[in-house]
Protein backbone atom coordinates (compact mmCIF):
# COMPACT_ATOMS: atom_id res chain seq x y z
CA MET A 1 43.76 -4.12 -2.67
CA LYS A 2 45.34 -5.96 0.24
CA MET A 3 43.32 -6.44 3.42
CA LYS A 4 45.03 -6.80 6.80
CA ILE A 5 44.17 -6.65 10.48
CA SER A 6 45.14 -3.44 12.30
CA THR A 7 47.66 -3.59 15.12
CA ASN A 8 44.79 -2.94 17.54
CA GLY A 9 43.36 -6.33 16.56
CA ARG A 10 39.86 -4.88 16.22
CA THR A 11 39.73 -3.09 12.87
CA LEU A 12 40.87 -3.54 9.28
CA LEU A 13 43.39 -1.99 6.94
CA ARG A 14 43.25 -1.85 3.15
CA ASP A 15 46.53 -1.08 1.45
CA GLY A 16 47.78 0.09 4.82
CA ASP A 17 44.98 2.60 5.48
CA PRO A 18 42.17 2.33 8.07
CA PHE A 19 39.21 0.59 6.45
CA PHE A 20 35.63 0.58 7.69
CA TYR A 21 34.05 -2.52 6.13
CA LEU A 22 30.73 -1.42 4.60
CA ALA A 23 29.31 -4.34 2.66
CA ASP A 24 26.20 -5.09 0.68
CA THR A 25 24.85 -8.61 0.37
CA CYS A 26 24.64 -9.41 -3.30
CA TRP A 27 24.78 -13.16 -2.82
CA SER A 28 23.38 -14.02 -6.27
CA ALA A 29 25.62 -11.81 -8.41
CA PHE A 30 27.43 -14.53 -10.34
CA THR A 31 24.30 -16.46 -11.28
CA ASN A 32 21.63 -13.82 -11.75
CA ILE A 33 23.00 -10.41 -12.78
CA LYS A 34 23.51 -9.27 -16.35
CA GLU A 35 26.52 -7.05 -16.99
CA ASP A 36 24.55 -3.85 -17.65
CA GLU A 37 22.59 -4.41 -14.43
CA TRP A 38 25.84 -5.03 -12.56
CA LEU A 39 27.28 -1.72 -13.71
CA THR A 40 24.13 0.12 -12.60
CA TYR A 41 24.31 -1.58 -9.23
CA LEU A 42 28.02 -0.90 -8.70
CA ARG A 43 27.73 2.80 -9.46
CA LYS A 44 24.79 3.22 -7.12
CA ARG A 45 26.44 1.46 -4.19
CA LYS A 46 29.71 3.32 -4.79
CA THR A 47 28.00 6.70 -4.48
CA GLN A 48 26.41 5.52 -1.21
CA GLY A 49 29.84 4.74 0.24
CA PHE A 50 29.87 0.94 0.08
CA ASN A 51 33.30 -0.65 -0.31
CA VAL A 52 32.68 -4.43 0.04
CA LEU A 53 30.42 -6.86 -1.82
CA GLN A 54 29.44 -10.18 -0.23
CA ILE A 55 28.87 -12.73 -2.99
CA ASN A 56 28.20 -16.47 -3.02
CA ILE A 57 30.57 -18.13 -5.50
CA LEU A 58 28.14 -21.01 -6.02
CA PRO A 59 24.41 -20.62 -6.80
CA GLN A 60 22.46 -19.20 -3.86
CA TRP A 61 19.97 -21.97 -3.15
CA ASP A 62 17.05 -19.66 -2.24
CA ARG A 63 17.71 -16.93 -4.81
CA SER A 64 15.12 -15.57 -7.22
CA LYS A 65 15.02 -17.51 -10.46
CA GLY A 66 14.07 -15.94 -13.74
CA GLU A 67 14.81 -15.65 -17.43
CA PHE A 68 18.54 -15.16 -16.85
CA SER A 69 20.58 -17.70 -14.92
CA VAL A 70 24.04 -19.18 -15.32
CA SER A 71 25.49 -22.13 -13.47
CA PRO A 72 28.92 -23.56 -12.62
CA PHE A 73 27.63 -27.10 -13.19
CA SER A 74 25.11 -28.97 -15.27
CA ARG A 75 21.95 -29.97 -13.43
CA LYS A 76 19.59 -32.90 -13.74
CA GLU A 77 16.34 -33.21 -11.81
CA GLY A 78 17.42 -30.50 -9.40
CA VAL A 79 20.81 -32.05 -8.61
CA PHE A 80 24.16 -30.58 -9.68
CA ASP A 81 26.79 -32.67 -11.42
CA PHE A 82 29.88 -31.54 -9.49
CA SER A 83 32.25 -33.72 -11.48
CA GLU A 84 32.78 -31.12 -14.20
CA ILE A 85 33.16 -27.37 -13.60
CA ASN A 86 31.87 -24.90 -16.19
CA ASP A 87 34.89 -22.70 -16.99
CA ASP A 88 32.69 -20.09 -18.69
CA TYR A 89 30.86 -19.50 -15.41
CA PHE A 90 34.09 -18.68 -13.60
CA ASP A 91 35.41 -16.57 -16.48
CA ARG A 92 32.25 -14.51 -16.32
CA ALA A 93 32.47 -14.23 -12.53
CA LYS A 94 36.05 -13.01 -12.84
CA HIS A 95 34.92 -10.35 -15.31
CA LEU A 96 32.25 -9.12 -12.89
CA CYS A 97 34.85 -9.00 -10.12
CA ARG A 98 37.19 -6.97 -12.29
CA LEU A 99 34.43 -4.45 -12.93
CA ALA A 100 33.77 -4.25 -9.19
CA GLU A 101 37.45 -3.81 -8.40
CA ASP A 102 37.65 -1.00 -10.95
CA GLU A 103 34.99 0.81 -8.91
CA GLY A 104 36.99 0.35 -5.70
CA PHE A 105 35.17 -2.61 -4.14
CA THR A 106 36.74 -5.32 -2.03
CA LEU A 107 35.20 -8.75 -2.62
CA ALA A 108 34.00 -11.01 0.19
CA LEU A 109 33.40 -14.38 -1.46
CA VAL A 110 31.61 -17.37 0.07
CA VAL A 111 33.32 -20.64 -0.87
CA LEU A 112 30.79 -23.14 0.54
CA TRP A 113 27.30 -21.98 1.44
CA SER A 114 25.81 -24.29 4.04
CA ASN A 115 23.54 -26.19 1.65
CA TYR A 116 26.67 -27.59 -0.04
CA VAL A 117 28.15 -28.96 3.22
CA VAL A 118 27.19 -32.27 4.79
CA GLY A 119 25.06 -32.18 7.95
CA THR A 120 24.21 -28.47 8.03
CA TRP A 121 20.69 -27.19 8.58
CA ALA A 122 20.39 -26.04 4.95
CA SER A 123 21.70 -29.27 3.44
CA GLU A 124 19.06 -31.21 5.33
CA LEU A 125 16.20 -29.25 3.77
CA ASP A 126 16.65 -30.96 0.40
CA GLY A 127 17.82 -34.28 1.78
CA GLN A 128 21.49 -33.36 1.18
CA ARG A 129 21.01 -33.86 -2.54
CA ASN A 130 23.41 -31.03 -3.41
CA VAL A 131 26.14 -31.61 -0.86
CA TYR A 132 29.47 -31.09 -2.64
CA PRO A 133 31.16 -34.53 -2.87
CA LYS A 134 34.45 -34.68 -0.99
CA GLU A 135 36.30 -36.17 -3.94
CA TYR A 136 35.67 -33.02 -6.02
CA LEU A 137 36.20 -30.34 -3.38
CA HIS A 138 39.90 -29.70 -3.95
CA ASP A 139 39.33 -29.30 -7.70
CA TYR A 140 36.75 -26.65 -6.86
CA PHE A 141 39.01 -24.95 -4.31
CA GLU A 142 41.77 -24.81 -6.91
CA LYS A 143 39.38 -23.20 -9.38
CA VAL A 144 38.35 -20.60 -6.80
CA VAL A 145 41.94 -19.64 -5.98
CA ASP A 146 42.96 -19.53 -9.66
CA THR A 147 39.95 -17.36 -10.52
CA PHE A 148 39.69 -14.91 -7.64
CA ASP A 149 43.02 -14.63 -5.81
CA GLU A 150 44.16 -11.78 -8.04
CA PHE A 151 41.50 -9.62 -6.37
CA SER A 152 42.79 -10.31 -2.82
CA PRO A 153 39.28 -11.12 -1.60
CA ILE A 154 38.17 -11.94 1.91
CA TYR A 155 37.22 -15.61 1.76
CA PHE A 156 34.12 -16.65 3.68
CA ILE A 157 34.96 -20.36 3.86
CA GLY A 158 31.38 -21.14 4.91
CA GLY A 159 28.08 -19.32 4.54
CA ASP A 160 25.00 -19.23 6.79
CA THR A 161 26.24 -22.33 8.57
CA ASP A 162 26.05 -24.29 11.78
CA PHE A 163 28.33 -27.13 12.93
CA PRO A 164 26.06 -30.06 13.87
CA THR A 165 28.43 -32.94 13.13
CA GLN A 166 32.14 -33.67 13.21
CA GLU A 167 31.96 -34.35 9.48
CA THR A 168 30.64 -30.83 8.97
CA ILE A 169 33.50 -29.38 10.99
CA GLU A 170 36.08 -31.46 9.15
CA THR A 171 34.76 -30.27 5.78
CA TYR A 172 35.31 -26.66 6.80
CA LEU A 173 38.69 -27.42 8.39
CA ASP A 174 39.83 -29.02 5.15
CA ALA A 175 38.76 -25.90 3.26
CA PHE A 176 40.52 -23.55 5.70
CA GLU A 177 43.72 -25.57 5.47
CA TYR A 178 43.60 -25.57 1.68
CA PHE A 179 43.10 -21.80 1.42
CA GLU A 180 45.72 -21.08 4.08
CA LYS A 181 48.24 -23.03 2.01
CA LYS A 182 47.23 -21.89 -1.47
CA SER A 183 45.99 -18.33 -0.77
CA GLN A 184 48.36 -17.06 1.89
CA GLY A 185 47.82 -13.35 1.35
CA THR A 186 44.07 -13.26 1.98
CA LEU A 187 41.92 -13.02 5.09
CA LYS A 188 39.67 -15.98 5.94
CA THR A 189 36.54 -16.19 8.04
CA ILE A 190 33.17 -17.94 8.23
CA HIS A 191 29.63 -16.55 7.97
CA ILE A 192 27.52 -18.38 10.57
CA LYS A 193 23.76 -18.76 10.63
CA GLY A 194 21.36 -16.31 12.26
CA ARG A 195 21.45 -15.90 16.06
CA PHE A 196 24.25 -18.48 16.25
CA GLN A 197 27.35 -18.01 18.38
CA ASP A 198 28.85 -21.43 19.11
CA ILE A 199 31.80 -21.76 16.76
CA PRO A 200 34.02 -24.81 17.45
CA GLU A 201 37.44 -23.91 18.83
CA GLU A 202 39.18 -25.72 15.99
CA ILE A 203 37.36 -23.41 13.54
CA ILE A 204 38.06 -20.27 15.60
CA SER A 205 41.77 -20.99 15.42
CA HIS A 206 41.63 -20.45 11.64
CA LEU A 207 39.63 -17.22 11.65
CA ASP A 208 40.96 -13.73 10.95
CA ILE A 209 37.59 -12.02 11.56
CA PHE A 210 34.54 -12.87 13.67
CA LEU A 211 31.37 -12.64 11.58
CA TYR A 212 27.93 -13.01 13.11
CA GLN A 213 24.41 -12.80 11.73
CA SER A 214 21.78 -11.06 13.85
CA GLY A 215 19.24 -12.30 11.31
CA HIS A 216 15.68 -11.70 10.24
CA ASN A 217 13.57 -13.07 13.08
CA SER A 218 11.32 -10.41 14.64
CA SER A 219 11.28 -12.23 17.99
CA PHE A 220 15.01 -11.72 18.61
CA LEU A 221 15.66 -8.02 18.18
CA ASP A 222 18.41 -7.97 20.80
CA MET A 223 20.74 -10.05 18.62
CA PRO A 224 22.69 -7.14 17.06
CA TYR A 225 24.14 -6.06 20.39
CA GLN A 226 24.04 -9.37 22.25
CA LEU A 227 26.10 -11.18 19.63
CA ALA A 228 28.48 -8.26 19.15
CA ASN A 229 29.12 -8.27 22.87
CA HIS A 230 29.65 -12.04 22.88
CA PHE A 231 32.26 -12.10 20.13
CA TYR A 232 34.00 -8.95 21.37
CA HIS A 233 34.70 -10.59 24.72
CA LEU A 234 35.95 -13.96 23.45
CA GLU A 235 39.51 -14.86 24.36
CA LYS A 236 40.76 -14.60 20.79
CA LYS A 237 40.79 -10.92 19.90
CA MET A 238 39.66 -10.17 16.34
CA PRO A 239 37.67 -7.65 14.31
CA VAL A 240 33.93 -8.30 14.72
CA ILE A 241 31.34 -7.60 11.98
CA ASN A 242 27.60 -8.18 11.79
CA SER A 243 27.68 -9.70 8.31
CA GLU A 244 23.91 -10.16 8.02
CA PRO A 245 21.60 -7.96 10.07
CA CYS A 246 17.91 -7.73 9.18
CA TYR A 247 17.43 -6.73 5.55
CA GLU A 248 15.39 -3.71 4.56
CA GLN A 249 11.88 -4.75 3.44
CA MET A 250 12.61 -8.40 4.20
CA GLY A 251 9.58 -10.21 5.50
CA PHE A 252 10.00 -11.55 9.02
CA SER A 253 11.34 -15.10 8.98
CA ARG A 254 9.12 -18.14 9.58
CA LYS A 255 6.40 -16.44 7.52
CA VAL A 256 5.50 -14.08 10.38
CA TYR A 257 3.53 -11.14 9.03
CA GLY A 258 5.47 -7.88 8.71
CA ARG A 259 8.65 -6.48 7.21
CA PHE A 260 11.77 -4.73 8.48
CA GLY A 261 11.77 -1.02 7.64
CA GLN A 262 14.40 1.69 7.42
CA LYS A 263 14.54 2.37 11.16
CA ASP A 264 14.81 -1.34 11.97
CA VAL A 265 17.90 -1.85 9.82
CA ARG A 266 19.46 1.41 11.02
CA LYS A 267 18.90 0.36 14.63
CA ALA A 268 20.53 -3.02 14.01
CA ALA A 269 23.56 -1.32 12.49
CA TRP A 270 24.18 1.18 15.28
CA GLN A 271 23.55 -1.36 18.01
CA SER A 272 26.13 -3.62 16.34
CA VAL A 273 28.95 -1.13 15.80
CA LEU A 274 28.63 0.37 19.30
CA SER A 275 28.57 -3.04 21.04
CA GLY A 276 31.86 -4.47 19.85
CA ALA A 277 31.35 -4.95 16.10
CA CYS A 278 33.10 -1.72 15.12
CA ALA A 279 35.16 -3.13 12.23
CA GLY A 280 32.21 -2.61 9.90
CA ILE A 281 28.64 -3.50 9.06
CA THR A 282 26.75 -5.22 6.25
CA TYR A 283 23.54 -3.97 4.65
CA GLY A 284 20.94 -6.02 2.84
CA ALA A 285 17.87 -5.20 0.76
CA HIS A 286 15.15 -7.73 -0.02
CA GLY A 287 15.34 -8.01 -3.79
CA ILE A 288 19.06 -7.29 -4.06
CA TRP A 289 20.47 -10.35 -2.28
CA SER A 290 18.27 -12.65 -4.40
CA TRP A 291 18.34 -10.38 -7.47
CA HIS A 292 14.62 -10.40 -8.10
CA GLY A 293 13.45 -9.34 -11.57
CA ASN A 294 10.01 -8.79 -13.03
CA LEU A 295 10.08 -12.27 -14.58
CA SER A 296 11.61 -13.95 -11.53
CA GLY A 297 10.09 -16.57 -9.32
CA PHE A 298 10.75 -16.59 -5.58
CA SER A 299 9.79 -19.46 -3.32
CA GLU A 300 8.23 -18.24 -0.08
CA SER A 301 8.36 -21.71 1.46
CA THR A 302 12.08 -22.51 1.24
CA GLY A 303 14.74 -21.49 3.71
CA GLU A 304 13.38 -19.28 6.45
CA ALA A 305 10.12 -18.68 4.55
CA PHE A 306 10.38 -14.98 3.75
CA ASP A 307 7.65 -12.99 2.05
CA SER A 308 8.20 -12.02 -1.60
CA PRO A 309 10.88 -9.42 -2.48
CA MET A 310 10.78 -6.18 -4.44
CA TYR A 311 12.20 -6.00 -7.94
CA TRP A 312 15.91 -5.26 -7.72
CA GLN A 313 15.45 -1.87 -9.40
CA GLU A 314 13.12 -0.79 -6.56
CA ALA A 315 15.18 -2.40 -3.81
CA LEU A 316 18.25 -0.51 -5.01
CA GLN A 317 16.49 2.75 -4.08
CA LEU A 318 15.61 1.82 -0.49
CA PRO A 319 16.71 4.58 1.92
CA GLY A 320 18.38 2.40 4.52
CA ALA A 321 21.47 2.04 2.34
CA HIS A 322 22.14 5.75 2.82
CA ASP A 323 21.90 5.31 6.60
CA TYR A 324 24.61 2.67 6.46
CA GLY A 325 26.74 4.86 4.25
CA PHE A 326 26.33 7.64 6.82
CA ILE A 327 27.93 5.46 9.51
CA LYS A 328 31.04 4.98 7.41
CA GLN A 329 31.15 8.64 6.40
CA LEU A 330 30.81 9.78 10.02
CA PHE A 331 33.54 7.47 11.25
CA GLU A 332 35.88 8.66 8.49
CA LEU A 333 35.04 12.32 9.11
CA LEU A 334 35.71 12.03 12.85
CA LYS A 335 38.68 9.69 12.22
CA VAL A 336 37.05 7.15 14.52
CA ASP A 337 38.59 3.72 14.09
CA ASN A 338 38.49 1.42 17.08
CA LEU A 339 35.57 1.70 19.53
CA ILE A 340 35.35 0.25 23.02
CA PRO A 341 31.84 -0.67 24.24
CA CYS A 342 31.12 1.08 27.54
CA ASN A 343 27.48 0.46 28.42
CA GLU A 344 28.55 0.26 32.05
CA TYR A 345 28.55 4.07 32.00
CA LEU A 346 24.81 4.13 31.24
CA LEU A 347 22.73 4.30 34.42
CA ASN A 348 19.27 2.71 34.73
CA VAL A 349 18.43 2.57 31.02
CA SER A 350 17.40 -0.12 28.53
CA GLU A 351 20.06 -2.39 27.05
CA GLN A 352 18.81 -1.26 23.64
CA ILE A 353 20.64 2.02 24.19
CA ARG A 354 24.29 1.44 23.27
CA MET A 355 27.41 3.41 24.11
CA SER A 356 31.04 3.29 22.96
CA VAL A 357 34.20 5.32 23.45
CA THR A 358 37.39 5.70 21.43
CA PRO A 359 40.55 4.37 23.12
CA ASP A 360 41.81 7.92 23.73
CA SER A 361 38.40 9.05 25.13
CA GLN A 362 38.27 11.69 22.38
CA TYR A 363 34.76 10.62 21.36
CA TYR A 364 31.79 9.02 23.07
CA LEU A 365 28.93 7.76 20.90
CA ILE A 366 25.49 6.95 22.35
CA TYR A 367 22.71 5.47 20.24
CA ILE A 368 19.16 5.98 21.60
CA PRO A 369 16.47 4.06 19.66
CA SER A 370 13.49 5.74 21.37
CA ASN A 371 13.17 9.07 23.15
CA THR A 372 13.92 8.98 26.87
CA THR A 373 15.98 10.62 29.60
CA ILE A 374 19.38 9.02 30.14
CA SER A 375 22.01 9.42 32.80
CA VAL A 376 25.67 8.78 31.96
CA ASN A 377 28.44 8.19 34.46
CA VAL A 378 30.77 10.53 32.56
CA ASN A 379 31.32 14.27 33.06
CA PHE A 380 30.78 15.88 29.65
CA SER A 381 31.57 19.43 30.83
CA ASN A 382 34.65 19.54 28.61
CA TYR A 383 32.97 17.97 25.60
CA GLN A 384 31.25 19.42 22.56
CA VAL A 385 27.99 17.46 22.35
CA THR A 386 25.89 17.03 19.21
CA LEU A 387 22.63 15.13 18.68
CA ILE A 388 21.96 13.62 15.25
CA ASP A 389 18.27 13.19 14.37
CA PHE A 390 18.15 10.26 11.94
CA LYS A 391 14.52 10.67 10.87
CA ASN A 392 14.95 14.27 9.70
CA ASN A 393 18.72 14.28 9.08
CA ASN A 394 19.28 17.18 11.46
CA PHE A 395 22.21 18.05 13.71
CA LEU A 396 20.94 19.49 17.01
CA LYS A 397 22.20 20.60 20.42
CA PRO A 398 20.81 18.26 23.09
CA ASP A 399 19.54 19.48 26.45
CA TYR A 400 21.70 18.11 29.25
CA ARG A 401 23.18 19.00 32.62
CA VAL A 402 26.16 17.76 34.61
CA LYS A 403 25.62 16.89 38.26
CA GLU A 404 28.05 15.11 40.58
CA ASN A 405 30.27 14.13 37.63
CA LYS A 406 27.33 12.54 35.84
CA THR A 407 25.69 13.85 32.67
CA ILE A 408 21.90 13.74 32.39
CA PHE A 409 20.33 14.07 28.94
CA THR A 410 16.67 15.05 29.06
CA SER A 411 14.14 13.87 26.49
CA HIS A 412 14.75 15.40 23.10
CA SER A 413 12.26 16.59 20.48
CA CYS A 414 13.06 14.02 17.79
CA GLN A 415 10.49 11.47 16.68
CA GLU A 416 12.72 8.44 16.17
CA ASP A 417 16.25 7.24 16.94
CA VAL A 418 19.18 9.58 17.56
CA LEU A 419 22.92 9.48 18.05
CA ILE A 420 24.72 11.58 20.64
CA VAL A 421 28.30 12.44 19.69
CA ALA A 422 30.48 13.90 22.44
CA GLN A 423 33.88 15.25 21.35
CA LYS A 424 36.47 16.06 24.01
CA GLN A 425 37.66 19.65 24.20
CA GLY A 426 39.73 19.28 27.39
CA GLY A 427 40.14 16.79 30.22
CA ILE A 428 37.67 14.17 31.49
CA GLU A 429 36.51 13.03 34.86
CA ASN A 430 34.79 9.66 35.18
CA GLY A 431 32.45 8.92 38.04
């Protein structure tokens, strides 16, 4: 299944057809998941509309660890021996990928998570003991291409990373150059750390997609739309995707008490896709990304110090996944592809409310996290307007009036967040 960039530069194509990237973070698949569990997981996510799986090729450093674990290298006293690759590990990973492809999934594979790269924030946490030695990197890259290229994956050259040193940057540049030469038919990008936006220009020049991570910190809830807006307006025009918003039932980072619930993750998704990140969205559930079993251990002190996860069987049933699937289903039903952020049409309202329009002005979409009156500098007289109540899954007719070419929506009766969908029936007059 070949992935390409649309001619609009903002969205994706798969095998030539418009493709809304709806991913799940299953970072620990290759190390932690038994085949029967994998099949259960794939079938569930397929029915929910997911079409991409984000997986770490190497062991996720902060994953759950239990009775089942496989590794690409031998390990002694917590340190990998990178000099010899375990072929059985990659054969098994290829088999899991083939099962996923059979169910229609595109693979998004992380080549070098940040803990394996010199100088990054994650590598420093264990004294850089598991930084991948430069002399072995090309052997590993060759193994990755030989194993996974048949699936035409999207390669995330880096994962959860920053760029603190020139040596860090050069490691990633070397990887990009290798994959551009040896895997010419695949898209390449990089998954940066939470709330981060400063990607070196020499890295940007190699990217096909902008990925950002709005993250899991409860003190920065504006990140989904702020970062989307930032990357959308950069000089290099590319598809933008929030590849790691807050995960459902994830404890707030830095061991702050509390967890993200269904509405929180839904809000992050809609604020992202209506603020410039319309190429797709990634979902995460606490217990799925780490693959937490009933005999697993999970360290609450490593990484960003998250509270303990659910068992994967429970996390697989969390309702937020259906909300993400609904976004994709709605876009496909309406044939919405590219979206242009247009918050400038919103008058005197919170930045949390987000608004987008299709290039032909056929549809306007307005996401309202909390009930309030809003005024829009667009005349919706010739539009069919629907309000979607996310809490109760209802489609309603909102109360609004048009005055002086502006549309005023009064407070609705819904208890939580809503989406206003305005579909053009005739002409349009902008104020």
